Amino acid sequence: MKQTVRTRPGGSERRLDAAYDTALLDLDGVVYAGGEAIAHAVESLGTARDGGMHLAYVTNNAARTPETVAGHLTELGVPAEPADVITSAQAVARLISDQLPSGSRVLVIGAEGLRVALRERGLVPVESLDDDPAAVAQGYGGPDMPWSRLMEASYAVASGLPWFASNTDLTIPSARGIAPGNGSAVQVVRIATGAEPQVAGKPLPPMHRETILRTGAERPLVVGDRLDTDIEGAHAGGVDSLLVLTGVTTAAQLLAAPPEHRATYVAEDLRALLVPQPEVSEADGGAFRCGGWTASVDGGALALEGDGDRADALRALCAAAWTAAGDGTCALDSVKALARLGW
């Protein structure tokens, strides 16, 4: 059944940590960046957890094992168990094991997280095409992965082996800025071979299936910083989502989002889990109001009037932009309106 096109962010009279039983949280850009906790993340997650919300950490990063991720979260002040972590390595390992018999050898282009996930599914990681693999699995290998590994992947894929990728995120947030992600490395192999991988990570169904199987969530809320993975994945899975602006997505990109990238809720950071979400209402003349702000379309640009919480202003702007775009992408000029908000 075709989903209704969202034309404004939603509202919630209840706190989000009470309205949903499980938060499916992305990590990079939501909980931490470059290994350091993002402002307000630790306190907000602790309060949500203490209130009874189940916290699950769903990441497209296939490099680290769930044990390592859980340990890192605990060090940051967010106690977590390995079972609370779901990775794209686990999703791609299940995807491969559904197609290959147990004991099959798989050429690994990536880090330990991918090797561990493959072993858990009864597969045997190998390092070379000379080891007679039955498939190729590619995941993020960290900043020090040598170019020779991409060459090995290219040789194997070009030989006709089935190729699987944990995810295709082109970029990842880091403490120093935006860096190339696994999708950039996948693109290198794609260019060299002309082949296309089977992809498991967000926003595709294998990752959603892995997440639901491992968490048992009944009323999940996807929380992320990326439109093309977190929010699109929630849209594809038919579940609600919260976009936080602590990672790679800019306010301008949010305003221009096509329907599959429009989050249910929009906020600056994870404190949004602990409060109700304001409604966006229609005002006179086709304008939209949220809090003390009113947004409208003036010629070919978005216009903004009022004052108050700038997140409310962004919600009103989203309603004006998404309504004008309908089922397309908004091309209205947002520079002046966003500059007023410091974005």
C-alpha atoms as a PDB file:
ATOM      1  CA  MET A   1       0.000   0.000   0.000  1.00  0.00           C
ATOM      2  CA  LYS A   2       1.332   3.414  -0.972  1.00  0.00           C
ATOM      3  CA  GLN A   3       2.287   5.583   1.993  1.00  0.00           C
ATOM      4  CA  THR A   4       0.778   9.035   2.407  1.00  0.00           C
ATOM      5  CA  VAL A   5       3.234  11.784   1.486  1.00  0.00           C
ATOM      6  CA  ARG A   6       4.373  13.627   4.628  1.00  0.00           C
ATOM      7  CA  THR A   7       4.088  17.405   4.239  1.00  0.00           C
ATOM      8  CA  ARG A   8       4.992  18.482   7.777  1.00  0.00           C
ATOM      9  CA  PRO A   9       6.778  17.105  10.849  1.00  0.00           C
ATOM     10  CA  GLY A  10       4.501  15.305  13.270  1.00  0.00           C
ATOM     11  CA  GLY A  11       3.640  16.155  16.836  1.00  0.00           C
ATOM     12  CA  SER A  12       3.334  14.032  19.958  1.00  0.00           C
ATOM     13  CA  GLU A  13       1.472  14.925  23.143  1.00  0.00           C
ATOM     14  CA  ARG A  14       3.513  12.310  24.997  1.00  0.00           C
ATOM     15  CA  ARG A  15       7.249  12.289  25.525  1.00  0.00           C
ATOM     16  CA  LEU A  16       8.858  10.207  22.830  1.00  0.00           C
ATOM     17  CA  ASP A  17      10.487   7.891  25.371  1.00  0.00           C
ATOM     18  CA  ALA A  18       6.961   7.063  26.596  1.00  0.00           C
ATOM     19  CA  ALA A  19       5.244   6.955  23.207  1.00  0.00           C
ATOM     20  CA  TYR A  20       7.667   4.329  21.811  1.00  0.00           C
ATOM     21  CA  ASP A  21       8.964   1.145  23.462  1.00  0.00           C
ATOM     22  CA  THR A  22      12.316   1.020  21.644  1.00  0.00           C
ATOM     23  CA  ALA A  23      14.675   3.629  20.250  1.00  0.00           C
ATOM     24  CA  LEU A  24      16.643   2.278  17.282  1.00  0.00           C
ATOM     25  CA  LEU A  25      19.572   4.640  17.531  1.00  0.00           C
ATOM     26  CA  ASP A  26      22.203   5.276  14.930  1.00  0.00           C
ATOM     27  CA  LEU A  27      25.642   5.814  16.473  1.00  0.00           C
ATOM     28  CA  ASP A  28      27.939   7.984  14.331  1.00  0.00           C
ATOM     29  CA  GLY A  29      26.500  11.474  14.326  1.00  0.00           C
ATOM     30  CA  VAL A  30      23.794  10.690  16.898  1.00  0.00           C
ATOM     31  CA  VAL A  31      25.451   9.289  20.028  1.00  0.00           C
ATOM     32  CA  TYR A  32      29.070  10.086  19.232  1.00  0.00           C
ATOM     33  CA  ALA A  33      31.326  11.601  16.581  1.00  0.00           C
ATOM     34  CA  GLY A  34      34.953  10.608  16.234  1.00  0.00           C
ATOM     35  CA  GLY A  35      34.607   8.476  19.350  1.00  0.00           C
ATOM     36  CA  GLU A  36      33.515  11.347  21.606  1.00  0.00           C
ATOM     37  CA  ALA A  37      29.991  11.695  22.966  1.00  0.00           C
ATOM     38  CA  ILE A  38      27.803  14.292  21.281  1.00  0.00           C
ATOM     39  CA  ALA A  39      26.446  17.025  23.529  1.00  0.00           C
ATOM     40  CA  HIS A  40      23.379  15.970  25.573  1.00  0.00           C
ATOM     41  CA  ALA A  41      23.514  12.373  24.283  1.00  0.00           C
ATOM     42  CA  VAL A  42      24.682  10.611  27.452  1.00  0.00           C
ATOM     43  CA  GLU A  43      22.253  12.368  29.796  1.00  0.00           C
ATOM     44  CA  SER A  44      19.299  12.062  27.445  1.00  0.00           C
ATOM     45  CA  LEU A  45      19.818   8.358  26.789  1.00  0.00           C
ATOM     46  CA  GLY A  46      20.298   7.653  30.477  1.00  0.00           C
ATOM     47  CA  THR A  47      17.042   9.360  31.354  1.00  0.00           C
ATOM     48  CA  ALA A  48      15.160   7.568  28.567  1.00  0.00           C
ATOM     49  CA  ARG A  49      16.573   4.202  29.650  1.00  0.00           C
ATOM     50  CA  ASP A  50      15.758   4.804  33.315  1.00  0.00           C
ATOM     51  CA  GLY A  51      12.193   5.626  32.272  1.00  0.00           C
ATOM     52  CA  GLY A  52      11.769   2.222  30.669  1.00  0.00           C
ATOM     53  CA  MET A  53      12.641   2.815  27.031  1.00  0.00           C
ATOM     54  CA  HIS A  54      14.689   0.043  25.436  1.00  0.00           C
ATOM     55  CA  LEU A  55      17.760   1.460  23.716  1.00  0.00           C
ATOM     56  CA  ALA A  56      19.136  -0.422  20.715  1.00  0.00           C
ATOM     57  CA  TYR A  57      22.106   0.839  18.735  1.00  0.00           C
ATOM     58  CA  VAL A  58      21.786   0.238  15.007  1.00  0.00           C
ATOM     59  CA  THR A  59      24.837   1.114  12.963  1.00  0.00           C
ATOM     60  CA  ASN A  60      25.877   0.788   9.348  1.00  0.00           C
ATOM     61  CA  ASN A  61      29.506   0.726  10.512  1.00  0.00           C
ATOM     62  CA  ALA A  62      30.631  -2.881  10.060  1.00  0.00           C
ATOM     63  CA  ALA A  63      34.157  -2.409  11.392  1.00  0.00           C
ATOM     64  CA  ARG A  64      33.686  -2.980  15.108  1.00  0.00           C
ATOM     65  CA  THR A  65      32.154  -5.938  16.937  1.00  0.00           C
ATOM     66  CA  PRO A  66      29.041  -5.479  19.111  1.00  0.00           C
ATOM     67  CA  GLU A  67      31.237  -6.178  22.154  1.00  0.00           C
ATOM     68  CA  THR A  68      33.587  -3.343  21.209  1.00  0.00           C
ATOM     69  CA  VAL A  69      30.735  -0.931  20.494  1.00  0.00           C
ATOM     70  CA  ALA A  70      28.988  -1.787  23.767  1.00  0.00           C
ATOM     71  CA  GLY A  71      32.233  -1.273  25.657  1.00  0.00           C
ATOM     72  CA  HIS A  72      32.755   2.098  24.033  1.00  0.00           C
ATOM     73  CA  LEU A  73      29.211   3.196  24.873  1.00  0.00           C
ATOM     74  CA  THR A  74      29.653   2.110  28.463  1.00  0.00           C
ATOM     75  CA  GLU A  75      32.904   4.088  28.701  1.00  0.00           C
ATOM     76  CA  LEU A  76      31.051   7.153  27.441  1.00  0.00           C
ATOM     77  CA  GLY A  77      28.479   6.743  30.215  1.00  0.00           C
ATOM     78  CA  VAL A  78      25.754   4.905  28.299  1.00  0.00           C
ATOM     79  CA  PRO A  79      25.741   1.364  29.721  1.00  0.00           C
ATOM     80  CA  ALA A  80      25.149  -1.166  26.929  1.00  0.00           C
ATOM     81  CA  GLU A  81      25.404  -4.906  26.353  1.00  0.00           C
ATOM     82  CA  PRO A  82      26.588  -6.508  23.106  1.00  0.00           C
ATOM     83  CA  ALA A  83      23.011  -7.687  22.479  1.00  0.00           C
ATOM     84  CA  ASP A  84      21.944  -4.033  22.373  1.00  0.00           C
ATOM     85  CA  VAL A  85      24.081  -3.429  19.270  1.00  0.00           C
ATOM     86  CA  ILE A  86      22.973  -4.350  15.745  1.00  0.00           C
ATOM     87  CA  THR A  87      25.469  -3.811  12.930  1.00  0.00           C
ATOM     88  CA  SER A  88      25.360  -3.957   9.158  1.00  0.00           C
ATOM     89  CA  ALA A  89      28.002  -6.682   9.454  1.00  0.00           C
ATOM     90  CA  GLN A  90      25.404  -8.887  11.150  1.00  0.00           C
ATOM     91  CA  ALA A  91      22.833  -8.027   8.484  1.00  0.00           C
ATOM     92  CA  VAL A  92      25.157  -8.806   5.580  1.00  0.00           C
ATOM     93  CA  ALA A  93      26.332 -12.013   7.237  1.00  0.00           C
ATOM     94  CA  ARG A  94      22.727 -13.213   7.458  1.00  0.00           C
ATOM     95  CA  LEU A  95      22.150 -12.173   3.837  1.00  0.00           C
ATOM     96  CA  ILE A  96      25.159 -14.237   2.731  1.00  0.00           C
ATOM     97  CA  SER A  97      24.271 -17.242   4.900  1.00  0.00           C
ATOM     98  CA  ASP A  98      20.793 -17.295   3.356  1.00  0.00           C
ATOM     99  CA  GLN A  99      22.431 -17.887  -0.032  1.00  0.00           C
ATOM    100  CA  LEU A 100      25.501 -20.001   0.744  1.00  0.00           C
ATOM    101  CA  PRO A 101      25.833 -23.264   2.678  1.00  0.00           C
ATOM    102  CA  SER A 102      27.367 -23.314   6.133  1.00  0.00           C
ATOM    103  CA  GLY A 103      31.135 -23.560   6.008  1.00  0.00           C
ATOM    104  CA  SER A 104      31.461 -21.508   2.820  1.00  0.00           C
ATOM    105  CA  ARG A 105      34.565 -19.356   2.551  1.00  0.00           C
ATOM    106  CA  VAL A 106      34.042 -15.618   2.199  1.00  0.00           C
ATOM    107  CA  LEU A 107      36.707 -13.120   1.160  1.00  0.00           C
ATOM    108  CA  VAL A 108      36.599 -10.323   3.733  1.00  0.00           C
ATOM    109  CA  ILE A 109      37.400  -6.769   2.734  1.00  0.00           C
ATOM    110  CA  GLY A 110      36.902  -5.008   6.028  1.00  0.00           C
ATOM    111  CA  ALA A 111      37.605  -5.178   9.726  1.00  0.00           C
ATOM    112  CA  GLU A 112      37.107  -7.560  12.640  1.00  0.00           C
ATOM    113  CA  GLY A 113      33.421  -6.772  13.074  1.00  0.00           C
ATOM    114  CA  LEU A 114      32.690  -8.293   9.685  1.00  0.00           C
ATOM    115  CA  ARG A 115      34.794 -11.401  10.357  1.00  0.00           C
ATOM    116  CA  VAL A 116      33.063 -12.037  13.687  1.00  0.00           C
ATOM    117  CA  ALA A 117      29.607 -11.639  12.153  1.00  0.00           C
ATOM    118  CA  LEU A 118      30.426 -14.097   9.355  1.00  0.00           C
ATOM    119  CA  ARG A 119      31.697 -16.698  11.821  1.00  0.00           C
ATOM    120  CA  GLU A 120      28.507 -16.347  13.859  1.00  0.00           C
ATOM    121  CA  ARG A 121      26.543 -17.371  10.753  1.00  0.00           C
ATOM    122  CA  GLY A 122      28.723 -20.431  10.132  1.00  0.00           C
ATOM    123  CA  LEU A 123      30.831 -18.866   7.369  1.00  0.00           C
ATOM    124  CA  VAL A 124      34.636 -18.914   7.108  1.00  0.00           C
ATOM    125  CA  PRO A 125      36.413 -15.566   6.556  1.00  0.00           C
ATOM    126  CA  VAL A 126      39.454 -15.671   4.254  1.00  0.00           C
ATOM    127  CA  GLU A 127      41.869 -12.995   3.127  1.00  0.00           C
ATOM    128  CA  SER A 128      42.696 -13.792  -0.496  1.00  0.00           C
ATOM    129  CA  LEU A 129      41.161 -14.876  -3.774  1.00  0.00           C
ATOM    130  CA  ASP A 130      43.755 -17.662  -3.656  1.00  0.00           C
ATOM    131  CA  ASP A 131      41.862 -19.121  -0.653  1.00  0.00           C
ATOM    132  CA  ASP A 132      39.037 -20.214  -2.993  1.00  0.00           C
ATOM    133  CA  PRO A 133      36.208 -18.093  -1.546  1.00  0.00           C
ATOM    134  CA  ALA A 134      32.587 -18.508  -2.616  1.00  0.00           C
ATOM    135  CA  ALA A 135      31.726 -14.807  -2.172  1.00  0.00           C
ATOM    136  CA  VAL A 136      33.131 -11.373  -1.330  1.00  0.00           C
ATOM    137  CA  ALA A 137      31.968  -9.359   1.702  1.00  0.00           C
ATOM    138  CA  GLN A 138      32.962  -5.703   1.870  1.00  0.00           C
ATOM    139  CA  GLY A 139      32.588  -3.465   4.896  1.00  0.00           C
ATOM    140  CA  TYR A 140      34.232  -0.380   6.372  1.00  0.00           C
ATOM    141  CA  GLY A 141      37.849  -1.228   7.158  1.00  0.00           C
ATOM    142  CA  GLY A 142      38.837   1.843   9.128  1.00  0.00           C
ATOM    143  CA  PRO A 143      41.121   4.730   8.165  1.00  0.00           C
ATOM    144  CA  ASP A 144      44.170   2.501   7.754  1.00  0.00           C
ATOM    145  CA  MET A 145      42.757  -0.074   5.331  1.00  0.00           C
ATOM    146  CA  PRO A 146      45.329  -0.433   2.531  1.00  0.00           C
ATOM    147  CA  TRP A 147      44.526   0.098  -1.129  1.00  0.00           C
ATOM    148  CA  SER A 148      45.640  -3.488  -1.765  1.00  0.00           C
ATOM    149  CA  ARG A 149      42.438  -4.738  -0.117  1.00  0.00           C
ATOM    150  CA  LEU A 150      40.316  -2.887  -2.685  1.00  0.00           C
ATOM    151  CA  MET A 151      42.466  -4.404  -5.402  1.00  0.00           C
ATOM    152  CA  GLU A 152      41.882  -7.889  -3.958  1.00  0.00           C
ATOM    153  CA  ALA A 153      38.130  -7.229  -3.881  1.00  0.00           C
ATOM    154  CA  SER A 154      38.219  -6.089  -7.495  1.00  0.00           C
ATOM    155  CA  TYR A 155      40.077  -9.205  -8.643  1.00  0.00           C
ATOM    156  CA  ALA A 156      37.574 -11.439  -6.838  1.00  0.00           C
ATOM    157  CA  VAL A 157      34.459  -9.621  -8.052  1.00  0.00           C
ATOM    158  CA  ALA A 158      35.807  -9.521 -11.606  1.00  0.00           C
ATOM    159  CA  SER A 159      36.273 -13.309 -11.447  1.00  0.00           C
ATOM    160  CA  GLY A 160      32.515 -13.663 -11.082  1.00  0.00           C
ATOM    161  CA  LEU A 161      32.124 -14.183  -7.334  1.00  0.00           C
ATOM    162  CA  PRO A 162      28.924 -12.818  -5.756  1.00  0.00           C
ATOM    163  CA  TRP A 163      29.661  -9.499  -4.049  1.00  0.00           C
ATOM    164  CA  PHE A 164      28.019  -8.332  -0.823  1.00  0.00           C
ATOM    165  CA  ALA A 165      28.423  -4.932   0.862  1.00  0.00           C
ATOM    166  CA  SER A 166      27.554  -4.174   4.462  1.00  0.00           C
ATOM    167  CA  ASN A 167      26.409  -0.679   3.483  1.00  0.00           C
ATOM    168  CA  THR A 168      26.986   2.073   0.948  1.00  0.00           C
ATOM    169  CA  ASP A 169      27.214   5.221   3.099  1.00  0.00           C
ATOM    170  CA  LEU A 170      29.448   7.511   1.064  1.00  0.00           C
ATOM    171  CA  THR A 171      30.516   9.515   4.112  1.00  0.00           C
ATOM    172  CA  ILE A 172      30.878   9.202   7.887  1.00  0.00           C
ATOM    173  CA  PRO A 173      31.142  11.945  10.520  1.00  0.00           C
ATOM    174  CA  SER A 174      34.400  12.214  12.459  1.00  0.00           C
ATOM    175  CA  ALA A 175      35.847  14.523  15.085  1.00  0.00           C
ATOM    176  CA  ARG A 176      37.663  16.458  12.329  1.00  0.00           C
ATOM    177  CA  GLY A 177      34.781  16.604   9.845  1.00  0.00           C
ATOM    178  CA  ILE A 178      33.106  14.452   7.214  1.00  0.00           C
ATOM    179  CA  ALA A 179      35.229  11.542   5.935  1.00  0.00           C
ATOM    180  CA  PRO A 180      34.773   8.899   3.203  1.00  0.00           C
ATOM    181  CA  GLY A 181      32.658   5.922   4.273  1.00  0.00           C
ATOM    182  CA  ASN A 182      32.318   2.352   3.063  1.00  0.00           C
ATOM    183  CA  GLY A 183      30.210   3.482   0.117  1.00  0.00           C
ATOM    184  CA  SER A 184      33.206   5.340  -1.256  1.00  0.00           C
ATOM    185  CA  ALA A 185      35.292   2.150  -1.105  1.00  0.00           C
ATOM    186  CA  VAL A 186      32.447   0.178  -2.692  1.00  0.00           C
ATOM    187  CA  GLN A 187      32.381   2.711  -5.495  1.00  0.00           C
ATOM    188  CA  VAL A 188      36.062   2.057  -6.179  1.00  0.00           C
ATOM    189  CA  VAL A 189      35.365  -1.661  -6.703  1.00  0.00           C
ATOM    190  CA  ARG A 190      32.261  -0.851  -8.739  1.00  0.00           C
ATOM    191  CA  ILE A 191      34.295   1.351 -11.078  1.00  0.00           C
ATOM    192  CA  ALA A 192      37.001  -1.292 -11.439  1.00  0.00           C
ATOM    193  CA  THR A 193      34.613  -4.167 -12.163  1.00  0.00           C
ATOM    194  CA  GLY A 194      31.337  -2.754 -13.465  1.00  0.00           C
ATOM    195  CA  ALA A 195      29.557  -5.044 -10.980  1.00  0.00           C
ATOM    196  CA  GLU A 196      26.867  -4.237  -8.404  1.00  0.00           C
ATOM    197  CA  PRO A 197      26.875  -5.629  -4.857  1.00  0.00           C
ATOM    198  CA  GLN A 198      23.995  -6.935  -2.818  1.00  0.00           C
ATOM    199  CA  VAL A 199      23.716  -4.412   0.017  1.00  0.00           C
ATOM    200  CA  ALA A 200      22.462  -5.181   3.532  1.00  0.00           C
ATOM    201  CA  GLY A 201      22.706  -1.929   5.506  1.00  0.00           C
ATOM    202  CA  LYS A 202      20.271   0.900   6.050  1.00  0.00           C
ATOM    203  CA  PRO A 203      18.016   1.868   4.329  1.00  0.00           C
ATOM    204  CA  LEU A 204      17.525  -1.580   2.788  1.00  0.00           C
ATOM    205  CA  PRO A 205      15.259  -4.387   4.085  1.00  0.00           C
ATOM    206  CA  PRO A 206      18.005  -6.780   5.337  1.00  0.00           C
ATOM    207  CA  MET A 207      19.055  -4.282   8.003  1.00  0.00           C
ATOM    208  CA  HIS A 208      15.474  -3.599   9.081  1.00  0.00           C
ATOM    209  CA  ARG A 209      14.837  -7.346   9.318  1.00  0.00           C
ATOM    210  CA  GLU A 210      17.995  -7.883  11.381  1.00  0.00           C
ATOM    211  CA  THR A 211      17.039  -5.073  13.733  1.00  0.00           C
ATOM    212  CA  ILE A 212      13.512  -6.324  14.383  1.00  0.00           C
ATOM    213  CA  LEU A 213      14.690  -9.928  14.804  1.00  0.00           C
ATOM    214  CA  ARG A 214      17.274  -8.917  17.393  1.00  0.00           C
ATOM    215  CA  THR A 215      15.283  -6.295  19.346  1.00  0.00           C
ATOM    216  CA  GLY A 216      11.711  -7.577  19.204  1.00  0.00           C
ATOM    217  CA  ALA A 217      10.585  -3.947  19.063  1.00  0.00           C
ATOM    218  CA  GLU A 218       6.814  -3.444  18.845  1.00  0.00           C
ATOM    219  CA  ARG A 219       6.645   0.377  18.782  1.00  0.00           C
ATOM    220  CA  PRO A 220      10.083   1.361  17.447  1.00  0.00           C
ATOM    221  CA  LEU A 221      11.344   4.878  16.828  1.00  0.00           C
ATOM    222  CA  VAL A 222      14.274   5.158  14.432  1.00  0.00           C
ATOM    223  CA  VAL A 223      16.658   7.906  15.564  1.00  0.00           C
ATOM    224  CA  GLY A 224      19.298   9.070  13.112  1.00  0.00           C
ATOM    225  CA  ASP A 225      21.254  11.876  11.514  1.00  0.00           C
ATOM    226  CA  ARG A 226      21.163  10.696   7.889  1.00  0.00           C
ATOM    227  CA  LEU A 227      18.276  11.179   5.498  1.00  0.00           C
ATOM    228  CA  ASP A 228      19.405   8.560   2.991  1.00  0.00           C
ATOM    229  CA  THR A 229      19.932   5.737   5.486  1.00  0.00           C
ATOM    230  CA  ASP A 230      18.208   6.278   8.838  1.00  0.00           C
ATOM    231  CA  ILE A 231      15.135   8.172   7.685  1.00  0.00           C
ATOM    232  CA  GLU A 232      14.726   6.377   4.373  1.00  0.00           C
ATOM    233  CA  GLY A 233      15.108   3.064   6.193  1.00  0.00           C
ATOM    234  CA  ALA A 234      12.359   4.005   8.640  1.00  0.00           C
ATOM    235  CA  HIS A 235      10.159   5.087   5.726  1.00  0.00           C
ATOM    236  CA  ALA A 236      10.750   1.765   3.940  1.00  0.00           C
ATOM    237  CA  GLY A 237       9.970  -0.159   7.128  1.00  0.00           C
ATOM    238  CA  GLY A 238       6.818   1.835   7.850  1.00  0.00           C
ATOM    239  CA  VAL A 239       7.999   3.065  11.269  1.00  0.00           C
ATOM    240  CA  ASP A 240       8.309   6.535  12.793  1.00  0.00           C
ATOM    241  CA  SER A 241      11.584   8.417  12.868  1.00  0.00           C
ATOM    242  CA  LEU A 242      13.403  11.259  14.610  1.00  0.00           C
ATOM    243  CA  LEU A 243      16.071  13.215  12.752  1.00  0.00           C
ATOM    244  CA  VAL A 244      18.675  14.977  14.893  1.00  0.00           C
ATOM    245  CA  LEU A 245      20.944  17.640  13.435  1.00  0.00           C
ATOM    246  CA  THR A 246      24.113  16.506  15.193  1.00  0.00           C
ATOM    247  CA  GLY A 247      25.615  14.604  12.267  1.00  0.00           C
ATOM    248  CA  VAL A 248      25.860  14.901   8.511  1.00  0.00           C
ATOM    249  CA  THR A 249      22.427  16.300   7.570  1.00  0.00           C
ATOM    250  CA  THR A 250      22.133  20.067   7.305  1.00  0.00           C
ATOM    251  CA  ALA A 251      18.993  22.096   7.810  1.00  0.00           C
ATOM    252  CA  ALA A 252      18.995  23.026   4.117  1.00  0.00           C
ATOM    253  CA  GLN A 253      19.137  19.352   3.098  1.00  0.00           C
ATOM    254  CA  LEU A 254      16.233  18.595   5.415  1.00  0.00           C
ATOM    255  CA  LEU A 255      14.089  21.304   3.829  1.00  0.00           C
ATOM    256  CA  ALA A 256      14.828  19.911   0.369  1.00  0.00           C
ATOM    257  CA  ALA A 257      14.049  16.318   1.378  1.00  0.00           C
ATOM    258  CA  PRO A 258      11.924  14.170  -0.943  1.00  0.00           C
ATOM    259  CA  PRO A 259       9.087  12.188   0.719  1.00  0.00           C
ATOM    260  CA  GLU A 260      11.186   9.137   1.630  1.00  0.00           C
ATOM    261  CA  HIS A 261      13.633  11.378   3.510  1.00  0.00           C
ATOM    262  CA  ARG A 262      11.078  13.303   5.593  1.00  0.00           C
ATOM    263  CA  ALA A 263      11.321  12.379   9.249  1.00  0.00           C
ATOM    264  CA  THR A 264       8.303  12.067  11.536  1.00  0.00           C
ATOM    265  CA  TYR A 265      10.005  14.326  14.077  1.00  0.00           C
ATOM    266  CA  VAL A 266      12.772  16.912  13.708  1.00  0.00           C
ATOM    267  CA  ALA A 267      15.038  18.131  16.522  1.00  0.00           C
ATOM    268  CA  GLU A 268      18.486  19.491  17.226  1.00  0.00           C
ATOM    269  CA  ASP A 269      19.688  16.651  19.472  1.00  0.00           C
ATOM    270  CA  LEU A 270      18.671  13.685  21.620  1.00  0.00           C
ATOM    271  CA  ARG A 271      16.977  15.824  24.256  1.00  0.00           C
ATOM    272  CA  ALA A 272      13.962  15.504  21.966  1.00  0.00           C
ATOM    273  CA  LEU A 273      13.412  11.983  23.324  1.00  0.00           C
ATOM    274  CA  LEU A 274      12.466  13.408  26.705  1.00  0.00           C
ATOM    275  CA  VAL A 275       9.790  15.907  25.696  1.00  0.00           C
ATOM    276  CA  PRO A 276       6.531  16.016  23.728  1.00  0.00           C
ATOM    277  CA  GLN A 277       6.872  17.175  20.141  1.00  0.00           C
ATOM    278  CA  PRO A 278       5.023  20.359  19.118  1.00  0.00           C
ATOM    279  CA  GLU A 279       2.398  20.292  16.407  1.00  0.00           C
ATOM    280  CA  VAL A 280       2.826  22.291  13.221  1.00  0.00           C
ATOM    281  CA  SER A 281      -0.458  24.014  12.358  1.00  0.00           C
ATOM    282  CA  GLU A 282      -1.713  25.858   9.315  1.00  0.00           C
ATOM    283  CA  ALA A 283      -1.906  29.631   9.512  1.00  0.00           C
ATOM    284  CA  ASP A 284      -3.524  32.229   7.271  1.00  0.00           C
ATOM    285  CA  GLY A 285      -2.421  32.543   3.676  1.00  0.00           C
ATOM    286  CA  GLY A 286      -0.975  29.050   3.370  1.00  0.00           C
ATOM    287  CA  ALA A 287       1.608  29.655   6.098  1.00  0.00           C
ATOM    288  CA  PHE A 288       2.577  27.217   8.855  1.00  0.00           C
ATOM    289  CA  ARG A 289       3.057  27.905  12.547  1.00  0.00           C
ATOM    290  CA  CYS A 290       5.080  26.075  15.205  1.00  0.00           C
ATOM    291  CA  GLY A 291       5.724  27.626  18.599  1.00  0.00           C
ATOM    292  CA  GLY A 292       6.417  31.319  18.128  1.00  0.00           C
ATOM    293  CA  TRP A 293       7.354  31.011  14.461  1.00  0.00           C
ATOM    294  CA  THR A 294       5.456  31.276  11.195  1.00  0.00           C
ATOM    295  CA  ALA A 295       6.911  30.053   7.885  1.00  0.00           C
ATOM    296  CA  SER A 296       5.593  30.748   4.412  1.00  0.00           C
ATOM    297  CA  VAL A 297       6.582  30.872   0.760  1.00  0.00           C
ATOM    298  CA  ASP A 298       7.384  34.316  -0.605  1.00  0.00           C
ATOM    299  CA  GLY A 299       8.047  34.197  -4.325  1.00  0.00           C
ATOM    300  CA  GLY A 300      10.754  31.610  -4.820  1.00  0.00           C
ATOM    301  CA  ALA A 301      11.992  31.653  -1.241  1.00  0.00           C
ATOM    302  CA  LEU A 302      11.024  30.492   2.224  1.00  0.00           C
ATOM    303  CA  ALA A 303      10.130  33.303   4.620  1.00  0.00           C
ATOM    304  CA  LEU A 304      10.215  33.209   8.408  1.00  0.00           C
ATOM    305  CA  GLU A 305       8.678  35.450  11.063  1.00  0.00           C
ATOM    306  CA  GLY A 306       8.563  35.302  14.857  1.00  0.00           C
ATOM    307  CA  ASP A 307      10.896  34.178  17.630  1.00  0.00           C
ATOM    308  CA  GLY A 308      11.469  31.363  20.093  1.00  0.00           C
ATOM    309  CA  ASP A 309      13.043  27.912  19.890  1.00  0.00           C
ATOM    310  CA  ARG A 310      14.861  27.617  16.574  1.00  0.00           C
ATOM    311  CA  ALA A 311      13.866  23.951  16.275  1.00  0.00           C
ATOM    312  CA  ASP A 312      10.249  25.132  16.158  1.00  0.00           C
ATOM    313  CA  ALA A 313      11.223  27.505  13.351  1.00  0.00           C
ATOM    314  CA  LEU A 314      12.798  24.634  11.437  1.00  0.00           C
ATOM    315  CA  ARG A 315       9.660  22.521  11.854  1.00  0.00           C
ATOM    316  CA  ALA A 316       7.526  25.332  10.456  1.00  0.00           C
ATOM    317  CA  LEU A 317       9.952  25.774   7.558  1.00  0.00           C
ATOM    318  CA  CYS A 318       9.803  22.044   6.845  1.00  0.00           C
ATOM    319  CA  ALA A 319       6.029  22.232   6.590  1.00  0.00           C
ATOM    320  CA  ALA A 320       6.205  25.141   4.141  1.00  0.00           C
ATOM    321  CA  ALA A 321       8.931  23.518   2.054  1.00  0.00           C
ATOM    322  CA  TRP A 322       7.494  19.985   1.993  1.00  0.00           C
ATOM    323  CA  THR A 323       3.997  21.217   1.198  1.00  0.00           C
ATOM    324  CA  ALA A 324       5.326  23.268  -1.702  1.00  0.00           C
ATOM    325  CA  ALA A 325       7.338  20.281  -2.956  1.00  0.00           C
ATOM    326  CA  GLY A 326       4.525  17.739  -2.683  1.00  0.00           C
ATOM    327  CA  ASP A 327       5.938  14.396  -3.753  1.00  0.00           C
ATOM    328  CA  GLY A 328       9.094  15.997  -5.179  1.00  0.00           C
ATOM    329  CA  THR A 329      12.115  17.897  -3.902  1.00  0.00           C
ATOM    330  CA  CYS A 330      11.794  21.480  -2.689  1.00  0.00           C
ATOM    331  CA  ALA A 331      13.807  23.963  -4.756  1.00  0.00           C
ATOM    332  CA  LEU A 332      12.839  27.085  -2.799  1.00  0.00           C
ATOM    333  CA  ASP A 333      15.643  29.358  -1.603  1.00  0.00           C
ATOM    334  CA  SER A 334      16.141  28.811   2.139  1.00  0.00           C
ATOM    335  CA  VAL A 335      19.385  30.722   2.675  1.00  0.00           C
ATOM    336  CA  LYS A 336      17.931  33.861   4.279  1.00  0.00           C
ATOM    337  CA  ALA A 337      15.503  31.996   6.531  1.00  0.00           C
ATOM    338  CA  LEU A 338      18.142  29.589   7.793  1.00  0.00           C
ATOM    339  CA  ALA A 339      20.749  32.312   8.260  1.00  0.00           C
ATOM    340  CA  ARG A 340      18.379  33.977  10.703  1.00  0.00           C
ATOM    341  CA  LEU A 341      18.482  30.784  12.764  1.00  0.00           C
ATOM    342  CA  GLY A 342      22.239  30.364  12.589  1.00  0.00           C
ATOM    343  CA  TRP A 343      22.104  27.424  10.130  1.00  0.00           C
END
